[in-house]
Amino acid sequence: RNVLVRSSGTALSGNTAYIRNLARNTTSFDIAYGEFAHLGNALGQTDGLRFEPAGTTGRISSCTFRDNYRALNLYDAPNSIIQGNLFFNNSGSGAHSIQLYGLGTTGNLIEGNHSYGNTNANGIFLSNFPSGNVVRGNYFYSNTGYGMSVANSYDNTFSSNSVFCNSSDGVWMGLSS
C-alpha cells in the first residue's frame, strides 16, 4: 500500500477521525492502493469514509479498509466505482462494510471486492431506494451479519458474487425488486 490513513486512537468509541468525500466528479476523488484503519466513531455514528452530500462521486480501487466503524458509505452518491478492495475486521452495531444508501445512489459499480471477518456488520447493505447499481464479482464471507443485505431497493444488478460462511443469512432481501 502507498499510504496508511488512521485515527490517532484505536477505540471506535473514541475516535474522531473520518474521511468525507465532497467531490462532484469521479476524477476529483480517486484513491488507489491506500490503507484505512481505525476511522469512524460508534458514538457519533460517523462512517470511516463517507460520500456525502448528495451527488458526490469518486473511485476507490485496490485499497484496504480494516478496523473501522462502518467502513464505506455511499450516501445519495451516483456513478462511483468501488473496485478490488479489501474490507475486514470492521465493526459496529448495525454497521456495514459497504453501504449504498438513498434514492440518489445510482449507477455505481461495486466489483471485485472482498468483505470478510467483519463483526456486527454485513458485507454489503443496500437501503433506502438505491437503484441501477451493479454489484458483481465480489466475495462476502465470514461476517457476523448478512453477506448481502438488500432492503427497499430496486433495479440493481447482482451477478457472480460469492457469499458464504456468514453468521446470518448469506443473502437477505426485503421489499426489493
N, C-alpha and C. Protein backbone atom coordinates (compact mmCIF):
# COMPACT_ATOMS: atom_id res chain seq x y z
N ARG A 1 0.83 -1.18 0.00
CA ARG A 1 0.00 0.00 0.00
C ARG A 1 0.88 1.24 0.00
N ASN A 2 0.38 2.30 -0.59
CA ASN A 2 1.15 3.54 -0.68
C ASN A 2 1.09 4.39 0.57
N VAL A 3 -0.06 4.37 1.26
CA VAL A 3 -0.22 5.25 2.42
C VAL A 3 -1.19 4.60 3.41
N LEU A 4 -0.96 4.85 4.69
CA LEU A 4 -1.87 4.41 5.74
C LEU A 4 -2.53 5.65 6.33
N VAL A 5 -3.85 5.67 6.31
CA VAL A 5 -4.61 6.75 6.92
C VAL A 5 -5.34 6.15 8.10
N ARG A 6 -5.08 6.67 9.31
CA ARG A 6 -5.70 6.10 10.50
C ARG A 6 -5.91 7.17 11.56
N SER A 7 -6.76 6.84 12.50
CA SER A 7 -7.00 7.71 13.64
C SER A 7 -5.81 7.62 14.58
N SER A 8 -5.64 8.61 15.42
CA SER A 8 -4.56 8.57 16.40
C SER A 8 -4.85 7.55 17.49
N GLY A 9 -6.13 7.17 17.65
CA GLY A 9 -6.51 6.15 18.62
C GLY A 9 -6.99 4.90 17.92
N THR A 10 -7.27 3.89 18.71
CA THR A 10 -7.76 2.65 18.12
C THR A 10 -9.11 2.23 18.68
N ALA A 11 -9.72 3.03 19.55
CA ALA A 11 -11.02 2.70 20.13
C ALA A 11 -12.12 3.36 19.30
N LEU A 12 -12.99 2.55 18.69
CA LEU A 12 -14.04 3.10 17.84
C LEU A 12 -15.04 3.94 18.61
N SER A 13 -15.06 3.82 19.92
CA SER A 13 -15.97 4.66 20.71
C SER A 13 -15.38 6.04 20.96
N GLY A 14 -14.09 6.22 20.72
CA GLY A 14 -13.45 7.49 21.00
C GLY A 14 -12.82 8.18 19.80
N ASN A 15 -12.73 7.49 18.68
CA ASN A 15 -12.11 8.09 17.50
C ASN A 15 -12.93 9.26 16.99
N THR A 16 -12.26 10.26 16.51
CA THR A 16 -12.95 11.38 15.87
C THR A 16 -12.54 11.53 14.42
N ALA A 17 -11.64 10.70 13.95
CA ALA A 17 -11.14 10.81 12.58
C ALA A 17 -12.05 10.06 11.61
N TYR A 18 -12.30 10.68 10.49
CA TYR A 18 -13.05 10.07 9.41
C TYR A 18 -12.72 10.82 8.13
N ILE A 19 -13.15 10.29 6.99
CA ILE A 19 -12.93 10.94 5.71
C ILE A 19 -14.29 11.19 5.07
N ARG A 20 -14.48 12.37 4.55
CA ARG A 20 -15.73 12.71 3.88
C ARG A 20 -15.40 13.23 2.49
N ASN A 21 -15.93 12.56 1.48
CA ASN A 21 -15.74 12.96 0.09
C ASN A 21 -16.78 14.00 -0.28
N LEU A 22 -16.35 15.13 -0.81
CA LEU A 22 -17.25 16.19 -1.25
C LEU A 22 -17.20 16.39 -2.76
N ALA A 23 -16.39 15.59 -3.48
CA ALA A 23 -16.16 15.79 -4.91
C ALA A 23 -17.42 15.49 -5.73
N ARG A 24 -17.64 16.28 -6.76
CA ARG A 24 -18.81 16.11 -7.62
C ARG A 24 -18.50 15.41 -8.94
N ASN A 25 -17.22 15.14 -9.22
CA ASN A 25 -16.93 14.34 -10.42
C ASN A 25 -15.89 13.28 -10.06
N THR A 26 -15.98 12.15 -10.74
CA THR A 26 -15.19 10.97 -10.39
C THR A 26 -13.70 11.22 -10.41
N THR A 27 -13.22 12.03 -11.34
CA THR A 27 -11.78 12.25 -11.46
C THR A 27 -11.22 13.11 -10.32
N SER A 28 -12.07 13.77 -9.57
CA SER A 28 -11.60 14.60 -8.46
C SER A 28 -11.38 13.83 -7.17
N PHE A 29 -11.91 12.62 -7.07
CA PHE A 29 -11.72 11.79 -5.88
C PHE A 29 -11.38 10.39 -6.36
N ASP A 30 -10.11 10.11 -6.44
CA ASP A 30 -9.63 8.82 -6.95
C ASP A 30 -8.56 8.31 -6.00
N ILE A 31 -8.90 7.26 -5.25
CA ILE A 31 -7.97 6.70 -4.27
C ILE A 31 -7.58 5.30 -4.73
N ALA A 32 -6.28 5.03 -4.77
CA ALA A 32 -5.78 3.69 -5.12
C ALA A 32 -4.64 3.32 -4.18
N TYR A 33 -4.60 2.06 -3.80
CA TYR A 33 -3.51 1.48 -3.01
C TYR A 33 -3.35 2.14 -1.63
N GLY A 34 -4.46 2.58 -1.04
CA GLY A 34 -4.41 3.15 0.30
C GLY A 34 -4.86 2.14 1.34
N GLU A 35 -4.52 2.40 2.58
CA GLU A 35 -4.99 1.58 3.69
C GLU A 35 -5.65 2.51 4.70
N PHE A 36 -6.87 2.17 5.12
CA PHE A 36 -7.66 3.00 6.01
C PHE A 36 -8.00 2.19 7.25
N ALA A 37 -7.57 2.68 8.42
CA ALA A 37 -7.73 1.91 9.66
C ALA A 37 -8.16 2.81 10.81
N HIS A 38 -9.00 2.26 11.68
CA HIS A 38 -9.44 2.92 12.92
C HIS A 38 -10.14 4.24 12.66
N LEU A 39 -10.92 4.30 11.59
CA LEU A 39 -11.67 5.51 11.27
C LEU A 39 -13.14 5.31 11.61
N GLY A 40 -13.84 6.38 11.84
CA GLY A 40 -15.26 6.32 12.19
C GLY A 40 -15.45 6.31 13.69
N ASN A 41 -16.68 6.61 14.11
CA ASN A 41 -16.96 6.73 15.53
C ASN A 41 -18.32 6.12 15.84
N ALA A 42 -18.33 5.14 16.73
CA ALA A 42 -19.57 4.46 17.10
C ALA A 42 -20.52 5.38 17.85
N LEU A 43 -20.00 6.29 18.66
CA LEU A 43 -20.86 7.18 19.44
C LEU A 43 -21.51 8.24 18.56
N GLY A 44 -20.76 8.79 17.64
CA GLY A 44 -21.29 9.82 16.75
C GLY A 44 -21.88 9.26 15.48
N GLN A 45 -21.91 7.92 15.34
CA GLN A 45 -22.43 7.27 14.13
C GLN A 45 -21.74 7.81 12.87
N THR A 46 -20.45 8.02 12.94
CA THR A 46 -19.67 8.55 11.83
C THR A 46 -19.02 7.41 11.06
N ASP A 47 -19.23 7.37 9.76
CA ASP A 47 -18.63 6.35 8.92
C ASP A 47 -17.14 6.61 8.74
N GLY A 48 -16.38 5.55 8.49
CA GLY A 48 -14.95 5.71 8.23
C GLY A 48 -14.70 6.59 7.01
N LEU A 49 -15.35 6.26 5.90
CA LEU A 49 -15.27 7.04 4.66
C LEU A 49 -16.68 7.20 4.13
N ARG A 50 -17.09 8.41 3.93
CA ARG A 50 -18.48 8.68 3.51
C ARG A 50 -18.50 9.61 2.31
N PHE A 51 -19.29 9.23 1.31
CA PHE A 51 -19.54 10.09 0.16
C PHE A 51 -20.83 10.86 0.46
N GLU A 52 -20.71 12.12 0.80
CA GLU A 52 -21.85 12.96 1.12
C GLU A 52 -21.38 14.40 1.11
N PRO A 53 -22.16 15.36 0.65
CA PRO A 53 -23.60 15.38 0.44
C PRO A 53 -24.02 14.72 -0.86
N ALA A 54 -25.31 14.75 -1.11
CA ALA A 54 -25.88 14.13 -2.30
C ALA A 54 -25.13 14.61 -3.55
N GLY A 55 -24.88 13.66 -4.45
CA GLY A 55 -24.22 13.99 -5.71
C GLY A 55 -22.72 13.81 -5.71
N THR A 56 -22.14 13.47 -4.58
CA THR A 56 -20.69 13.25 -4.57
C THR A 56 -20.38 11.91 -5.22
N THR A 57 -19.22 11.82 -5.81
CA THR A 57 -18.85 10.62 -6.55
C THR A 57 -17.34 10.42 -6.48
N GLY A 58 -16.89 9.26 -6.86
CA GLY A 58 -15.46 9.00 -6.84
C GLY A 58 -15.12 7.58 -7.21
N ARG A 59 -13.84 7.27 -7.09
CA ARG A 59 -13.34 5.93 -7.42
C ARG A 59 -12.39 5.50 -6.30
N ILE A 60 -12.60 4.27 -5.81
CA ILE A 60 -11.70 3.68 -4.81
C ILE A 60 -11.31 2.31 -5.32
N SER A 61 -10.01 2.09 -5.49
CA SER A 61 -9.57 0.79 -6.00
C SER A 61 -8.30 0.32 -5.28
N SER A 62 -8.23 -0.99 -5.13
CA SER A 62 -7.04 -1.65 -4.57
C SER A 62 -6.66 -1.13 -3.19
N CYS A 63 -7.66 -0.83 -2.36
CA CYS A 63 -7.43 -0.31 -1.02
C CYS A 63 -7.82 -1.34 0.03
N THR A 64 -7.36 -1.11 1.26
CA THR A 64 -7.72 -1.94 2.40
C THR A 64 -8.42 -1.08 3.43
N PHE A 65 -9.58 -1.55 3.89
CA PHE A 65 -10.34 -0.91 4.96
C PHE A 65 -10.40 -1.90 6.11
N ARG A 66 -9.77 -1.58 7.24
CA ARG A 66 -9.74 -2.51 8.36
C ARG A 66 -9.92 -1.76 9.67
N ASP A 67 -10.54 -2.43 10.63
CA ASP A 67 -10.69 -1.90 11.99
C ASP A 67 -11.41 -0.55 12.01
N ASN A 68 -12.38 -0.38 11.13
CA ASN A 68 -13.15 0.86 11.06
C ASN A 68 -14.56 0.65 11.61
N TYR A 69 -15.26 1.75 11.86
CA TYR A 69 -16.68 1.72 12.15
C TYR A 69 -17.38 2.11 10.86
N ARG A 70 -18.23 1.23 10.34
CA ARG A 70 -18.90 1.50 9.06
C ARG A 70 -17.87 1.96 8.01
N ALA A 71 -17.18 1.05 7.46
CA ALA A 71 -16.03 1.35 6.60
C ALA A 71 -16.33 2.34 5.48
N LEU A 72 -17.35 2.07 4.64
CA LEU A 72 -17.60 2.90 3.46
C LEU A 72 -19.09 3.08 3.26
N ASN A 73 -19.54 4.33 3.10
CA ASN A 73 -20.94 4.62 2.87
C ASN A 73 -21.09 5.56 1.69
N LEU A 74 -21.80 5.11 0.67
CA LEU A 74 -22.17 5.97 -0.45
C LEU A 74 -23.57 6.48 -0.16
N TYR A 75 -23.70 7.73 0.21
CA TYR A 75 -24.96 8.32 0.66
C TYR A 75 -25.47 9.26 -0.43
N ASP A 76 -26.50 8.82 -1.14
CA ASP A 76 -27.02 9.57 -2.29
C ASP A 76 -25.90 9.92 -3.27
N ALA A 77 -25.00 8.96 -3.47
CA ALA A 77 -23.80 9.17 -4.30
C ALA A 77 -23.93 8.37 -5.61
N PRO A 78 -23.95 9.03 -6.75
CA PRO A 78 -24.08 8.34 -8.03
C PRO A 78 -22.73 8.10 -8.73
N ASN A 79 -22.74 7.10 -9.61
CA ASN A 79 -21.66 6.88 -10.59
C ASN A 79 -20.27 6.71 -10.00
N SER A 80 -20.17 6.06 -8.86
CA SER A 80 -18.86 5.79 -8.25
C SER A 80 -18.41 4.39 -8.60
N ILE A 81 -17.11 4.17 -8.50
CA ILE A 81 -16.52 2.85 -8.76
C ILE A 81 -15.77 2.42 -7.51
N ILE A 82 -16.18 1.27 -6.96
CA ILE A 82 -15.54 0.69 -5.78
C ILE A 82 -15.04 -0.68 -6.25
N GLN A 83 -13.74 -0.81 -6.47
CA GLN A 83 -13.23 -1.96 -7.21
C GLN A 83 -11.94 -2.52 -6.60
N GLY A 84 -11.94 -3.84 -6.36
CA GLY A 84 -10.72 -4.53 -5.95
C GLY A 84 -10.21 -4.19 -4.57
N ASN A 85 -11.11 -3.92 -3.64
CA ASN A 85 -10.72 -3.52 -2.28
C ASN A 85 -10.90 -4.66 -1.29
N LEU A 86 -10.23 -4.56 -0.14
CA LEU A 86 -10.39 -5.50 0.97
C LEU A 86 -11.06 -4.76 2.12
N PHE A 87 -12.12 -5.37 2.68
CA PHE A 87 -12.82 -4.83 3.84
C PHE A 87 -12.82 -5.92 4.89
N PHE A 88 -12.08 -5.73 5.98
CA PHE A 88 -12.08 -6.76 7.02
C PHE A 88 -11.91 -6.17 8.40
N ASN A 89 -12.44 -6.90 9.38
CA ASN A 89 -12.36 -6.54 10.80
C ASN A 89 -12.97 -5.18 11.10
N ASN A 90 -13.97 -4.78 10.31
CA ASN A 90 -14.71 -3.56 10.60
C ASN A 90 -15.87 -3.95 11.52
N SER A 91 -16.34 -3.02 12.34
CA SER A 91 -17.36 -3.41 13.31
C SER A 91 -18.28 -2.25 13.64
N GLY A 92 -19.25 -2.56 14.49
CA GLY A 92 -20.20 -1.56 14.98
C GLY A 92 -21.60 -2.09 14.88
N SER A 93 -22.41 -1.77 15.84
CA SER A 93 -23.80 -2.23 15.85
C SER A 93 -24.53 -1.68 14.64
N GLY A 94 -25.09 -2.56 13.83
CA GLY A 94 -25.79 -2.14 12.63
C GLY A 94 -24.87 -1.63 11.55
N ALA A 95 -23.61 -1.96 11.64
CA ALA A 95 -22.64 -1.43 10.68
C ALA A 95 -22.60 -2.28 9.41
N HIS A 96 -21.99 -1.76 8.40
CA HIS A 96 -21.85 -2.43 7.12
C HIS A 96 -20.47 -2.09 6.58
N SER A 97 -19.82 -3.04 5.97
CA SER A 97 -18.53 -2.73 5.36
C SER A 97 -18.71 -1.80 4.18
N ILE A 98 -19.70 -2.12 3.35
CA ILE A 98 -20.02 -1.27 2.19
C ILE A 98 -21.51 -0.99 2.26
N GLN A 99 -21.89 0.27 2.20
CA GLN A 99 -23.31 0.62 2.22
C GLN A 99 -23.63 1.54 1.06
N LEU A 100 -24.70 1.22 0.34
CA LEU A 100 -25.25 2.10 -0.69
C LEU A 100 -26.59 2.56 -0.16
N TYR A 101 -26.74 3.86 0.08
CA TYR A 101 -27.90 4.37 0.79
C TYR A 101 -28.50 5.56 0.05
N GLY A 102 -29.79 5.51 -0.18
CA GLY A 102 -30.50 6.68 -0.66
C GLY A 102 -30.90 6.62 -2.12
N LEU A 103 -31.95 7.35 -2.41
CA LEU A 103 -32.54 7.41 -3.74
C LEU A 103 -31.55 7.89 -4.80
N GLY A 104 -30.62 8.76 -4.43
CA GLY A 104 -29.64 9.29 -5.38
C GLY A 104 -28.45 8.39 -5.61
N THR A 105 -28.43 7.23 -4.95
CA THR A 105 -27.31 6.30 -5.11
C THR A 105 -27.61 5.41 -6.32
N THR A 106 -27.18 5.86 -7.49
CA THR A 106 -27.48 5.17 -8.75
C THR A 106 -26.22 5.06 -9.60
N GLY A 107 -26.20 4.04 -10.46
CA GLY A 107 -25.13 3.91 -11.44
C GLY A 107 -23.76 3.59 -10.87
N ASN A 108 -23.70 3.04 -9.68
CA ASN A 108 -22.41 2.69 -9.06
C ASN A 108 -21.99 1.28 -9.47
N LEU A 109 -20.69 1.06 -9.53
CA LEU A 109 -20.13 -0.25 -9.79
C LEU A 109 -19.36 -0.71 -8.55
N ILE A 110 -19.80 -1.82 -7.97
CA ILE A 110 -19.14 -2.42 -6.82
C ILE A 110 -18.62 -3.77 -7.32
N GLU A 111 -17.31 -3.88 -7.55
CA GLU A 111 -16.80 -5.04 -8.28
C GLU A 111 -15.46 -5.53 -7.72
N GLY A 112 -15.36 -6.86 -7.59
CA GLY A 112 -14.08 -7.48 -7.25
C GLY A 112 -13.58 -7.19 -5.85
N ASN A 113 -14.48 -6.90 -4.92
CA ASN A 113 -14.10 -6.60 -3.54
C ASN A 113 -14.21 -7.86 -2.68
N HIS A 114 -13.48 -7.88 -1.57
CA HIS A 114 -13.59 -8.93 -0.56
C HIS A 114 -14.01 -8.26 0.74
N SER A 115 -15.12 -8.71 1.31
CA SER A 115 -15.59 -8.20 2.59
C SER A 115 -15.75 -9.39 3.51
N TYR A 116 -14.91 -9.46 4.54
CA TYR A 116 -14.88 -10.66 5.38
C TYR A 116 -14.45 -10.33 6.81
N GLY A 117 -14.85 -11.21 7.73
CA GLY A 117 -14.40 -11.08 9.11
C GLY A 117 -14.85 -9.81 9.79
N ASN A 118 -15.99 -9.26 9.38
CA ASN A 118 -16.50 -8.03 9.98
C ASN A 118 -17.45 -8.39 11.11
N THR A 119 -17.34 -7.71 12.24
CA THR A 119 -18.10 -8.01 13.45
C THR A 119 -19.33 -7.12 13.56
N ASN A 120 -20.49 -7.73 13.82
CA ASN A 120 -21.75 -6.98 13.89
C ASN A 120 -21.97 -6.18 12.61
N ALA A 121 -21.56 -6.73 11.51
CA ALA A 121 -21.62 -5.99 10.25
C ALA A 121 -21.98 -6.91 9.09
N ASN A 122 -22.66 -6.33 8.11
CA ASN A 122 -22.95 -7.02 6.86
C ASN A 122 -21.81 -6.77 5.89
N GLY A 123 -21.64 -7.68 4.94
CA GLY A 123 -20.64 -7.48 3.91
C GLY A 123 -20.97 -6.27 3.06
N ILE A 124 -22.24 -6.20 2.59
CA ILE A 124 -22.74 -5.06 1.82
C ILE A 124 -24.21 -4.87 2.17
N PHE A 125 -24.66 -3.62 2.18
CA PHE A 125 -26.03 -3.30 2.53
C PHE A 125 -26.53 -2.22 1.59
N LEU A 126 -27.64 -2.48 0.91
CA LEU A 126 -28.30 -1.50 0.06
C LEU A 126 -29.63 -1.16 0.71
N SER A 127 -29.90 0.13 0.94
CA SER A 127 -31.15 0.50 1.60
C SER A 127 -31.60 1.90 1.19
N ASN A 128 -32.87 2.16 1.44
CA ASN A 128 -33.49 3.46 1.20
C ASN A 128 -33.49 3.85 -0.27
N PHE A 129 -33.81 2.90 -1.13
CA PHE A 129 -34.11 3.08 -2.54
C PHE A 129 -32.95 3.37 -3.49
N PRO A 130 -31.77 2.81 -3.27
CA PRO A 130 -30.75 2.91 -4.32
C PRO A 130 -31.19 2.08 -5.52
N SER A 131 -30.82 2.50 -6.72
CA SER A 131 -31.25 1.77 -7.92
C SER A 131 -30.20 1.88 -9.02
N GLY A 132 -30.25 0.92 -9.94
CA GLY A 132 -29.37 0.96 -11.10
C GLY A 132 -27.91 0.74 -10.79
N ASN A 133 -27.61 0.10 -9.68
CA ASN A 133 -26.23 -0.19 -9.30
C ASN A 133 -25.87 -1.60 -9.73
N VAL A 134 -24.58 -1.85 -9.96
CA VAL A 134 -24.10 -3.17 -10.33
C VAL A 134 -23.16 -3.67 -9.23
N VAL A 135 -23.49 -4.84 -8.69
CA VAL A 135 -22.67 -5.48 -7.65
C VAL A 135 -22.26 -6.83 -8.23
N ARG A 136 -20.99 -6.96 -8.63
CA ARG A 136 -20.60 -8.19 -9.30
C ARG A 136 -19.17 -8.61 -8.96
N GLY A 137 -18.99 -9.93 -8.94
CA GLY A 137 -17.66 -10.50 -8.75
C GLY A 137 -17.05 -10.23 -7.40
N ASN A 138 -17.89 -10.05 -6.37
CA ASN A 138 -17.40 -9.78 -5.01
C ASN A 138 -17.45 -11.04 -4.17
N TYR A 139 -16.72 -11.03 -3.06
CA TYR A 139 -16.74 -12.11 -2.08
C TYR A 139 -17.17 -11.53 -0.74
N PHE A 140 -18.27 -12.07 -0.19
CA PHE A 140 -18.78 -11.65 1.10
C PHE A 140 -18.82 -12.89 1.99
N TYR A 141 -17.90 -12.98 2.95
CA TYR A 141 -17.81 -14.20 3.75
C TYR A 141 -17.32 -13.94 5.16
N SER A 142 -17.68 -14.85 6.05
CA SER A 142 -17.25 -14.82 7.47
C SER A 142 -17.58 -13.52 8.19
N ASN A 143 -18.71 -12.91 7.84
CA ASN A 143 -19.19 -11.73 8.54
C ASN A 143 -20.20 -12.17 9.59
N THR A 144 -20.33 -11.45 10.69
CA THR A 144 -21.31 -11.85 11.70
C THR A 144 -22.71 -11.37 11.37
N GLY A 145 -22.86 -10.54 10.36
CA GLY A 145 -24.18 -10.15 9.86
C GLY A 145 -24.47 -10.94 8.60
N TYR A 146 -25.22 -10.36 7.70
CA TYR A 146 -25.52 -10.97 6.40
C TYR A 146 -24.32 -10.76 5.47
N GLY A 147 -24.20 -11.64 4.50
CA GLY A 147 -23.21 -11.41 3.45
C GLY A 147 -23.65 -10.22 2.60
N MET A 148 -24.90 -10.33 2.11
CA MET A 148 -25.51 -9.25 1.33
C MET A 148 -26.89 -8.99 1.92
N SER A 149 -27.18 -7.73 2.22
CA SER A 149 -28.49 -7.34 2.75
C SER A 149 -29.04 -6.24 1.85
N VAL A 150 -30.26 -6.47 1.34
CA VAL A 150 -30.86 -5.53 0.39
C VAL A 150 -32.27 -5.21 0.87
N ALA A 151 -32.54 -3.96 1.19
CA ALA A 151 -33.84 -3.54 1.69
C ALA A 151 -34.30 -2.28 0.98
N ASN A 152 -35.55 -2.27 0.56
CA ASN A 152 -36.12 -1.09 -0.10
C ASN A 152 -35.23 -0.60 -1.24
N SER A 153 -34.89 -1.51 -2.12
CA SER A 153 -34.03 -1.20 -3.26
C SER A 153 -34.67 -1.80 -4.51
N TYR A 154 -34.32 -1.27 -5.67
CA TYR A 154 -34.91 -1.80 -6.89
C TYR A 154 -33.97 -1.60 -8.09
N ASP A 155 -34.15 -2.48 -9.07
CA ASP A 155 -33.40 -2.41 -10.34
C ASP A 155 -31.88 -2.39 -10.17
N ASN A 156 -31.38 -3.08 -9.17
CA ASN A 156 -29.94 -3.26 -9.03
C ASN A 156 -29.57 -4.61 -9.63
N THR A 157 -28.37 -4.75 -10.13
CA THR A 157 -27.92 -5.99 -10.74
C THR A 157 -26.87 -6.64 -9.86
N PHE A 158 -27.12 -7.91 -9.50
CA PHE A 158 -26.19 -8.69 -8.71
C PHE A 158 -25.76 -9.88 -9.55
N SER A 159 -24.46 -10.05 -9.79
CA SER A 159 -24.02 -11.20 -10.59
C SER A 159 -22.63 -11.66 -10.15
N SER A 160 -22.44 -12.96 -10.22
CA SER A 160 -21.14 -13.60 -9.98
C SER A 160 -20.53 -13.24 -8.63
N ASN A 161 -21.36 -13.02 -7.61
CA ASN A 161 -20.86 -12.78 -6.26
C ASN A 161 -20.79 -14.11 -5.52
N SER A 162 -19.82 -14.25 -4.63
CA SER A 162 -19.70 -15.43 -3.78
C SER A 162 -20.03 -15.01 -2.36
N VAL A 163 -21.03 -15.68 -1.77
CA VAL A 163 -21.49 -15.33 -0.43
C VAL A 163 -21.52 -16.63 0.37
N PHE A 164 -20.71 -16.70 1.43
CA PHE A 164 -20.65 -17.95 2.19
C PHE A 164 -20.14 -17.73 3.60
N CYS A 165 -20.47 -18.64 4.49
CA CYS A 165 -19.97 -18.68 5.89
C CYS A 165 -20.24 -17.40 6.68
N ASN A 166 -21.38 -16.76 6.44
CA ASN A 166 -21.77 -15.60 7.25
C ASN A 166 -22.67 -16.09 8.38
N SER A 167 -22.64 -15.44 9.54
CA SER A 167 -23.42 -15.89 10.69
C SER A 167 -24.92 -15.77 10.46
N SER A 168 -25.37 -14.71 9.83
CA SER A 168 -26.77 -14.57 9.46
C SER A 168 -26.94 -15.16 8.07
N ASP A 169 -28.08 -14.96 7.46
CA ASP A 169 -28.29 -15.47 6.12
C ASP A 169 -27.22 -14.94 5.17
N GLY A 170 -26.94 -15.72 4.15
CA GLY A 170 -25.98 -15.26 3.15
C GLY A 170 -26.49 -14.04 2.42
N VAL A 171 -27.73 -14.13 1.91
CA VAL A 171 -28.36 -13.03 1.18
C VAL A 171 -29.74 -12.80 1.79
N TRP A 172 -30.02 -11.56 2.17
CA TRP A 172 -31.33 -11.20 2.68
C TRP A 172 -31.88 -10.07 1.83
N MET A 173 -33.12 -10.26 1.35
CA MET A 173 -33.77 -9.22 0.55
C MET A 173 -35.14 -8.93 1.14
N GLY A 174 -35.38 -7.67 1.41
CA GLY A 174 -36.67 -7.24 1.94
C GLY A 174 -37.20 -6.05 1.18
N LEU A 175 -38.43 -6.17 0.71
CA LEU A 175 -39.09 -5.07 -0.02
C LEU A 175 -38.22 -4.54 -1.15
N SER A 176 -37.68 -5.45 -1.94
CA SER A 176 -36.80 -5.06 -3.04
C SER A 176 -37.20 -5.80 -4.30
N SER A 177 -36.78 -5.27 -5.43
CA SER A 177 -37.03 -5.95 -6.71
C SER A 177 -35.79 -5.88 -7.58
